[in-house]
Amino acid sequence: MTDFETIGRILLVGGVLLAVVGLLVIGAGRLGLPIGRLPGDINIQRGGLTVFIPLVSCLLASLVLTVVVNLVLWILRRTP
């Protein structure tokens, strides 16, 4: 397999994973899950300025993605 084929496969898998994550976020919003409105997310509104810093949401997303990526890598290492 050439380097271009490897890069192409990585890009395709990354795109599919990104699409799946996007669908999960859309589904979570429709189910009423408080993604982006968790305790610890900072929302400052003053006059015409709004600043939103999703600290806890980012930490939760990082934790979930870390677990998923590690599971995928573990499964790929087990297959011959």
PDB file of N, CA and C in Angstrom:
ATOM      1  N   MET A   1       0.855  -1.175   0.000  1.00  0.00           N
ATOM      2  CA  MET A   1       0.000   0.000   0.000  1.00  0.00           C
ATOM      3  C   MET A   1       0.900   1.237   0.000  1.00  0.00           C
ATOM      4  N   THR A   2       0.594   2.194  -0.859  1.00  0.00           N
ATOM      5  CA  THR A   2       1.409   3.399  -0.950  1.00  0.00           C
ATOM      6  C   THR A   2       1.017   4.396   0.135  1.00  0.00           C
ATOM      7  N   ASP A   3       1.846   5.403   0.285  1.00  0.00           N
ATOM      8  CA  ASP A   3       1.577   6.433   1.282  1.00  0.00           C
ATOM      9  C   ASP A   3       0.284   7.186   0.980  1.00  0.00           C
ATOM     10  N   PHE A   4      -0.002   7.404  -0.301  1.00  0.00           N
ATOM     11  CA  PHE A   4      -1.219   8.125  -0.669  1.00  0.00           C
ATOM     12  C   PHE A   4      -2.463   7.327  -0.315  1.00  0.00           C
ATOM     13  N   GLU A   5      -2.406   6.016  -0.485  1.00  0.00           N
ATOM     14  CA  GLU A   5      -3.543   5.177  -0.110  1.00  0.00           C
ATOM     15  C   GLU A   5      -3.769   5.217   1.394  1.00  0.00           C
ATOM     16  N   THR A   6      -2.693   5.196   2.149  1.00  0.00           N
ATOM     17  CA  THR A   6      -2.797   5.253   3.605  1.00  0.00           C
ATOM     18  C   THR A   6      -3.396   6.578   4.054  1.00  0.00           C
ATOM     19  N   ILE A   7      -2.900   7.673   3.491  1.00  0.00           N
ATOM     20  CA  ILE A   7      -3.420   8.996   3.841  1.00  0.00           C
ATOM     21  C   ILE A   7      -4.886   9.095   3.440  1.00  0.00           C
ATOM     22  N   GLY A   8      -5.247   8.579   2.280  1.00  0.00           N
ATOM     23  CA  GLY A   8      -6.634   8.599   1.827  1.00  0.00           C
ATOM     24  C   GLY A   8      -7.550   7.839   2.773  1.00  0.00           C
ATOM     25  N   ARG A   9      -7.111   6.682   3.221  1.00  0.00           N
ATOM     26  CA  ARG A   9      -7.925   5.895   4.153  1.00  0.00           C
ATOM     27  C   ARG A   9      -8.079   6.611   5.485  1.00  0.00           C
ATOM     28  N   ILE A  10      -7.007   7.220   5.966  1.00  0.00           N
ATOM     29  CA  ILE A  10      -7.074   7.962   7.231  1.00  0.00           C
ATOM     30  C   ILE A  10      -8.062   9.120   7.103  1.00  0.00           C
ATOM     31  N   LEU A  11      -8.013   9.835   5.979  1.00  0.00           N
ATOM     32  CA  LEU A  11      -8.941  10.951   5.766  1.00  0.00           C
ATOM     33  C   LEU A  11     -10.391  10.472   5.688  1.00  0.00           C
ATOM     34  N   LEU A  12     -10.617   9.350   5.006  1.00  0.00           N
ATOM     35  CA  LEU A  12     -11.975   8.816   4.915  1.00  0.00           C
ATOM     36  C   LEU A  12     -12.505   8.395   6.280  1.00  0.00           C
ATOM     37  N   VAL A  13     -11.694   7.687   7.049  1.00  0.00           N
ATOM     38  CA  VAL A  13     -12.124   7.250   8.386  1.00  0.00           C
ATOM     39  C   VAL A  13     -12.364   8.460   9.274  1.00  0.00           C
ATOM     40  N   GLY A  14     -11.482   9.451   9.205  1.00  0.00           N
ATOM     41  CA  GLY A  14     -11.665  10.668   9.996  1.00  0.00           C
ATOM     42  C   GLY A  14     -12.947  11.395   9.623  1.00  0.00           C
ATOM     43  N   GLY A  15     -13.251  11.465   8.339  1.00  0.00           N
ATOM     44  CA  GLY A  15     -14.477  12.114   7.892  1.00  0.00           C
ATOM     45  C   GLY A  15     -15.724  11.384   8.358  1.00  0.00           C
ATOM     46  N   VAL A  16     -15.687  10.056   8.288  1.00  0.00           N
ATOM     47  CA  VAL A  16     -16.831   9.267   8.754  1.00  0.00           C
ATOM     48  C   VAL A  16     -17.014   9.452  10.258  1.00  0.00           C
ATOM     49  N   LEU A  17     -15.922   9.428  11.010  1.00  0.00           N
ATOM     50  CA  LEU A  17     -16.012   9.622  12.460  1.00  0.00           C
ATOM     51  C   LEU A  17     -16.553  11.010  12.793  1.00  0.00           C
ATOM     52  N   LEU A  18     -16.117  12.010  12.057  1.00  0.00           N
ATOM     53  CA  LEU A  18     -16.607  13.370  12.278  1.00  0.00           C
ATOM     54  C   LEU A  18     -18.099  13.472  11.983  1.00  0.00           C
ATOM     55  N   ALA A  19     -18.554  12.803  10.924  1.00  0.00           N
ATOM     56  CA  ALA A  19     -19.973  12.799  10.594  1.00  0.00           C
ATOM     57  C   ALA A  19     -20.786  12.099  11.681  1.00  0.00           C
ATOM     58  N   VAL A  20     -20.265  10.996  12.204  1.00  0.00           N
ATOM     59  CA  VAL A  20     -20.963  10.274  13.272  1.00  0.00           C
ATOM     60  C   VAL A  20     -21.061  11.136  14.520  1.00  0.00           C
ATOM     61  N   VAL A  21     -19.975  11.810  14.878  1.00  0.00           N
ATOM     62  CA  VAL A  21     -20.005  12.696  16.052  1.00  0.00           C
ATOM     63  C   VAL A  21     -21.009  13.821  15.833  1.00  0.00           C
ATOM     64  N   GLY A  22     -21.057  14.379  14.633  1.00  0.00           N
ATOM     65  CA  GLY A  22     -22.029  15.420  14.326  1.00  0.00           C
ATOM     66  C   GLY A  22     -23.465  14.931  14.472  1.00  0.00           C
ATOM     67  N   LEU A  23     -23.731  13.725  13.993  1.00  0.00           N
ATOM     68  CA  LEU A  23     -25.069  13.156  14.144  1.00  0.00           C
ATOM     69  C   LEU A  23     -25.414  12.920  15.610  1.00  0.00           C
ATOM     70  N   LEU A  24     -24.442  12.479  16.397  1.00  0.00           N
ATOM     71  CA  LEU A  24     -24.681  12.273  17.827  1.00  0.00           C
ATOM     72  C   LEU A  24     -24.995  13.587  18.535  1.00  0.00           C
ATOM     73  N   VAL A  25     -24.296  14.647  18.170  1.00  0.00           N
ATOM     74  CA  VAL A  25     -24.551  15.952  18.783  1.00  0.00           C
ATOM     75  C   VAL A  25     -25.934  16.462  18.397  1.00  0.00           C
ATOM     76  N   ILE A  26     -26.312  16.296  17.128  1.00  0.00           N
ATOM     77  CA  ILE A  26     -27.648  16.702  16.688  1.00  0.00           C
ATOM     78  C   ILE A  26     -28.708  15.892  17.424  1.00  0.00           C
ATOM     79  N   GLY A  27     -28.489  14.586  17.533  1.00  0.00           N
ATOM     80  CA  GLY A  27     -29.437  13.731  18.242  1.00  0.00           C
ATOM     81  C   GLY A  27     -29.547  14.091  19.711  1.00  0.00           C
ATOM     82  N   ALA A  28     -28.418  14.420  20.336  1.00  0.00           N
ATOM     83  CA  ALA A  28     -28.434  14.806  21.750  1.00  0.00           C
ATOM     84  C   ALA A  28     -29.225  16.095  21.937  1.00  0.00           C
ATOM     85  N   GLY A  29     -29.093  17.018  21.012  1.00  0.00           N
ATOM     86  CA  GLY A  29     -29.850  18.269  21.098  1.00  0.00           C
ATOM     87  C   GLY A  29     -31.344  18.046  20.951  1.00  0.00           C
ATOM     88  N   ARG A  30     -31.724  17.143  20.068  1.00  0.00           N
ATOM     89  CA  ARG A  30     -33.150  16.864  19.865  1.00  0.00           C
ATOM     90  C   ARG A  30     -33.746  16.080  21.029  1.00  0.00           C
ATOM     91  N   LEU A  31     -32.918  15.306  21.726  1.00  0.00           N
ATOM     92  CA  LEU A  31     -33.403  14.548  22.882  1.00  0.00           C
ATOM     93  C   LEU A  31     -33.472  15.405  24.142  1.00  0.00           C
ATOM     94  N   GLY A  32     -32.932  16.618  24.060  1.00  0.00           N
ATOM     95  CA  GLY A  32     -32.990  17.515  25.205  1.00  0.00           C
ATOM     96  C   GLY A  32     -31.820  17.364  26.163  1.00  0.00           C
ATOM     97  N   LEU A  33     -30.774  16.660  25.743  1.00  0.00           N
ATOM     98  CA  LEU A  33     -29.589  16.539  26.602  1.00  0.00           C
ATOM     99  C   LEU A  33     -28.880  17.894  26.664  1.00  0.00           C
ATOM    100  N   PRO A  34     -28.378  18.264  27.818  1.00  0.00           N
ATOM    101  CA  PRO A  34     -27.852  19.629  27.995  1.00  0.00           C
ATOM    102  C   PRO A  34     -26.422  19.818  27.504  1.00  0.00           C
ATOM    103  N   ILE A  35     -26.105  19.329  26.309  1.00  0.00           N
ATOM    104  CA  ILE A  35     -24.759  19.521  25.769  1.00  0.00           C
ATOM    105  C   ILE A  35     -24.563  21.010  25.517  1.00  0.00           C
ATOM    106  N   GLY A  36     -23.531  21.584  26.095  1.00  0.00           N
ATOM    107  CA  GLY A  36     -23.274  23.013  25.966  1.00  0.00           C
ATOM    108  C   GLY A  36     -23.925  23.842  27.054  1.00  0.00           C
ATOM    109  N   ARG A  37     -24.735  23.215  27.880  1.00  0.00           N
ATOM    110  CA  ARG A  37     -25.386  23.929  28.975  1.00  0.00           C
ATOM    111  C   ARG A  37     -25.163  23.191  30.294  1.00  0.00           C
ATOM    112  N   LEU A  38     -24.030  22.543  30.418  1.00  0.00           N
ATOM    113  CA  LEU A  38     -23.712  21.788  31.631  1.00  0.00           C
ATOM    114  C   LEU A  38     -23.245  22.731  32.734  1.00  0.00           C
ATOM    115  N   PRO A  39     -23.386  22.307  33.994  1.00  0.00           N
ATOM    116  CA  PRO A  39     -22.826  23.113  35.080  1.00  0.00           C
ATOM    117  C   PRO A  39     -21.306  23.227  34.887  1.00  0.00           C
ATOM    118  N   GLY A  40     -20.790  24.409  34.929  1.00  0.00           N
ATOM    119  CA  GLY A  40     -19.367  24.625  34.687  1.00  0.00           C
ATOM    120  C   GLY A  40     -19.094  25.279  33.343  1.00  0.00           C
ATOM    121  N   ASP A  41     -20.086  25.267  32.445  1.00  0.00           N
ATOM    122  CA  ASP A  41     -19.964  26.010  31.197  1.00  0.00           C
ATOM    123  C   ASP A  41     -20.233  27.480  31.515  1.00  0.00           C
ATOM    124  N   ILE A  42     -19.370  28.345  31.034  1.00  0.00           N
ATOM    125  CA  ILE A  42     -19.450  29.765  31.377  1.00  0.00           C
ATOM    126  C   ILE A  42     -20.159  30.524  30.265  1.00  0.00           C
ATOM    127  N   ASN A  43     -21.183  31.284  30.636  1.00  0.00           N
ATOM    128  CA  ASN A  43     -21.943  32.093  29.695  1.00  0.00           C
ATOM    129  C   ASN A  43     -22.064  33.497  30.274  1.00  0.00           C
ATOM    130  N   ILE A  44     -21.410  34.472  29.647  1.00  0.00           N
ATOM    131  CA  ILE A  44     -21.430  35.854  30.128  1.00  0.00           C
ATOM    132  C   ILE A  44     -22.151  36.710  29.091  1.00  0.00           C
ATOM    133  N   GLN A  45     -23.194  37.422  29.536  1.00  0.00           N
ATOM    134  CA  GLN A  45     -23.934  38.319  28.651  1.00  0.00           C
ATOM    135  C   GLN A  45     -23.930  39.713  29.253  1.00  0.00           C
ATOM    136  N   ARG A  46     -23.354  40.661  28.530  1.00  0.00           N
ATOM    137  CA  ARG A  46     -23.312  42.064  28.963  1.00  0.00           C
ATOM    138  C   ARG A  46     -23.645  42.934  27.767  1.00  0.00           C
ATOM    139  N   GLY A  47     -24.748  43.604  27.827  1.00  0.00           N
ATOM    140  CA  GLY A  47     -25.134  44.481  26.717  1.00  0.00           C
ATOM    141  C   GLY A  47     -25.305  43.699  25.427  1.00  0.00           C
ATOM    142  N   GLY A  48     -24.559  44.085  24.417  1.00  0.00           N
ATOM    143  CA  GLY A  48     -24.635  43.399  23.130  1.00  0.00           C
ATOM    144  C   GLY A  48     -23.558  42.342  22.953  1.00  0.00           C
ATOM    145  N   LEU A  49     -22.847  42.003  24.027  1.00  0.00           N
ATOM    146  CA  LEU A  49     -21.745  41.049  23.941  1.00  0.00           C
ATOM    147  C   LEU A  49     -22.099  39.772  24.689  1.00  0.00           C
ATOM    148  N   THR A  50     -21.907  38.639  24.053  1.00  0.00           N
ATOM    149  CA  THR A  50     -22.109  37.343  24.689  1.00  0.00           C
ATOM    150  C   THR A  50     -20.826  36.533  24.544  1.00  0.00           C
ATOM    151  N   VAL A  51     -20.326  36.004  25.665  1.00  0.00           N
ATOM    152  CA  VAL A  51     -19.137  35.160  25.667  1.00  0.00           C
ATOM    153  C   VAL A  51     -19.538  33.814  26.248  1.00  0.00           C
ATOM    154  N   PHE A  52     -19.287  32.755  25.495  1.00  0.00           N
ATOM    155  CA  PHE A  52     -19.624  31.403  25.942  1.00  0.00           C
ATOM    156  C   PHE A  52     -18.366  30.557  25.949  1.00  0.00           C
ATOM    157  N   ILE A  53     -18.040  29.972  27.101  1.00  0.00           N
ATOM    158  CA  ILE A  53     -16.856  29.125  27.245  1.00  0.00           C
ATOM    159  C   ILE A  53     -17.324  27.771  27.777  1.00  0.00           C
ATOM    160  N   PRO A  54     -17.421  26.753  26.908  1.00  0.00           N
ATOM    161  CA  PRO A  54     -17.959  25.456  27.315  1.00  0.00           C
ATOM    162  C   PRO A  54     -16.893  24.551  27.954  1.00  0.00           C
ATOM    163  N   LEU A  55     -16.441  24.883  29.149  1.00  0.00           N
ATOM    164  CA  LEU A  55     -15.365  24.129  29.794  1.00  0.00           C
ATOM    165  C   LEU A  55     -15.742  22.672  30.045  1.00  0.00           C
ATOM    166  N   VAL A  56     -16.842  22.444  30.742  1.00  0.00           N
ATOM    167  CA  VAL A  56     -17.225  21.084  31.112  1.00  0.00           C
ATOM    168  C   VAL A  56     -17.648  20.282  29.885  1.00  0.00           C
ATOM    169  N   SER A  57     -18.325  20.921  28.950  1.00  0.00           N
ATOM    170  CA  SER A  57     -18.725  20.214  27.726  1.00  0.00           C
ATOM    171  C   SER A  57     -17.499  19.746  26.948  1.00  0.00           C
ATOM    172  N   CYS A  58     -16.461  20.573  26.883  1.00  0.00           N
ATOM    173  CA  CYS A  58     -15.229  20.186  26.189  1.00  0.00           C
ATOM    174  C   CYS A  58     -14.520  19.051  26.917  1.00  0.00           C
ATOM    175  N   LEU A  59     -14.490  19.110  28.246  1.00  0.00           N
ATOM    176  CA  LEU A  59     -13.873  18.023  29.012  1.00  0.00           C
ATOM    177  C   LEU A  59     -14.626  16.708  28.812  1.00  0.00           C
ATOM    178  N   LEU A  60     -15.950  16.772  28.817  1.00  0.00           N
ATOM    179  CA  LEU A  60     -16.758  15.574  28.610  1.00  0.00           C
ATOM    180  C   LEU A  60     -16.550  15.010  27.205  1.00  0.00           C
ATOM    181  N   ALA A  61     -16.530  15.876  26.197  1.00  0.00           N
ATOM    182  CA  ALA A  61     -16.299  15.434  24.819  1.00  0.00           C
ATOM    183  C   ALA A  61     -14.917  14.814  24.681  1.00  0.00           C
ATOM    184  N   SER A  62     -13.919  15.398  25.324  1.00  0.00           N
ATOM    185  CA  SER A  62     -12.568  14.865  25.276  1.00  0.00           C
ATOM    186  C   SER A  62     -12.503  13.480  25.910  1.00  0.00           C
ATOM    187  N   LEU A  63     -13.172  13.312  27.030  1.00  0.00           N
ATOM    188  CA  LEU A  63     -13.188  12.019  27.705  1.00  0.00           C
ATOM    189  C   LEU A  63     -13.850  10.954  26.837  1.00  0.00           C
ATOM    190  N   VAL A  64     -14.998  11.279  26.260  1.00  0.00           N
ATOM    191  CA  VAL A  64     -15.718  10.319  25.426  1.00  0.00           C
ATOM    192  C   VAL A  64     -14.904   9.961  24.186  1.00  0.00           C
ATOM    193  N   LEU A  65     -14.332  10.956  23.523  1.00  0.00           N
ATOM    194  CA  LEU A  65     -13.538  10.685  22.323  1.00  0.00           C
ATOM    195  C   LEU A  65     -12.277   9.888  22.640  1.00  0.00           C
ATOM    196  N   THR A  66     -11.663  10.138  23.792  1.00  0.00           N
ATOM    197  CA  THR A  66     -10.490   9.369  24.195  1.00  0.00           C
ATOM    198  C   THR A  66     -10.840   7.905  24.381  1.00  0.00           C
ATOM    199  N   VAL A  67     -11.952   7.636  25.030  1.00  0.00           N
ATOM    200  CA  VAL A  67     -12.386   6.253  25.236  1.00  0.00           C
ATOM    201  C   VAL A  67     -12.686   5.585  23.898  1.00  0.00           C
ATOM    202  N   VAL A  68     -13.398   6.271  23.018  1.00  0.00           N
ATOM    203  CA  VAL A  68     -13.753   5.694  21.722  1.00  0.00           C
ATOM    204  C   VAL A  68     -12.516   5.406  20.886  1.00  0.00           C
ATOM    205  N   VAL A  69     -11.593   6.357  20.809  1.00  0.00           N
ATOM    206  CA  VAL A  69     -10.375   6.154  20.012  1.00  0.00           C
ATOM    207  C   VAL A  69      -9.543   5.013  20.581  1.00  0.00           C
ATOM    208  N   ASN A  70      -9.413   4.940  21.891  1.00  0.00           N
ATOM    209  CA  ASN A  70      -8.651   3.844  22.496  1.00  0.00           C
ATOM    210  C   ASN A  70      -9.303   2.496  22.235  1.00  0.00           C
ATOM    211  N   LEU A  71     -10.637   2.424  22.269  1.00  0.00           N
ATOM    212  CA  LEU A  71     -11.321   1.171  21.955  1.00  0.00           C
ATOM    213  C   LEU A  71     -11.096   0.765  20.501  1.00  0.00           C
ATOM    214  N   VAL A  72     -11.185   1.718  19.591  1.00  0.00           N
ATOM    215  CA  VAL A  72     -10.961   1.417  18.173  1.00  0.00           C
ATOM    216  C   VAL A  72      -9.532   0.937  17.953  1.00  0.00           C
ATOM    217  N   LEU A  73      -8.557   1.612  18.548  1.00  0.00           N
ATOM    218  CA  LEU A  73      -7.168   1.187  18.392  1.00  0.00           C
ATOM    219  C   LEU A  73      -6.927  -0.179  19.006  1.00  0.00           C
ATOM    220  N   TRP A  74      -7.562  -0.469  20.125  1.00  0.00           N
ATOM    221  CA  TRP A  74      -7.417  -1.769  20.774  1.00  0.00           C
ATOM    222  C   TRP A  74      -7.992  -2.869  19.886  1.00  0.00           C
ATOM    223  N   ILE A  75      -9.148  -2.595  19.266  1.00  0.00           N
ATOM    224  CA  ILE A  75      -9.768  -3.579  18.372  1.00  0.00           C
ATOM    225  C   ILE A  75      -8.904  -3.789  17.136  1.00  0.00           C
ATOM    226  N   LEU A  76      -8.351  -2.712  16.588  1.00  0.00           N
ATOM    227  CA  LEU A  76      -7.513  -2.849  15.392  1.00  0.00           C
ATOM    228  C   LEU A  76      -6.222  -3.601  15.682  1.00  0.00           C
ATOM    229  N   ARG A  77      -5.678  -3.460  16.882  1.00  0.00           N
ATOM    230  CA  ARG A  77      -4.457  -4.189  17.240  1.00  0.00           C
ATOM    231  C   ARG A  77      -4.722  -5.666  17.421  1.00  0.00           C
ATOM    232  N   ARG A  78      -5.925  -6.045  17.815  1.00  0.00           N
ATOM    233  CA  ARG A  78      -6.253  -7.447  18.066  1.00  0.00           C
ATOM    234  C   ARG A  78      -6.480  -8.223  16.798  1.00  0.00           C
ATOM    235  N   THR A  79      -6.899  -7.564  15.721  1.00  0.00           N
ATOM    236  CA  THR A  79      -7.170  -8.289  14.475  1.00  0.00           C
ATOM    237  C   THR A  79      -5.862  -8.568  13.764  1.00  0.00           C
ATOM    238  N   PRO A  80      -5.723  -9.779  13.228  1.00  0.00           N
ATOM    239  CA  PRO A  80      -4.455 -10.137  12.560  1.00  0.00           C
ATOM    240  C   PRO A  80      -4.265  -9.479  11.227  1.00  0.00           C
TER     241      PRO A  80
END
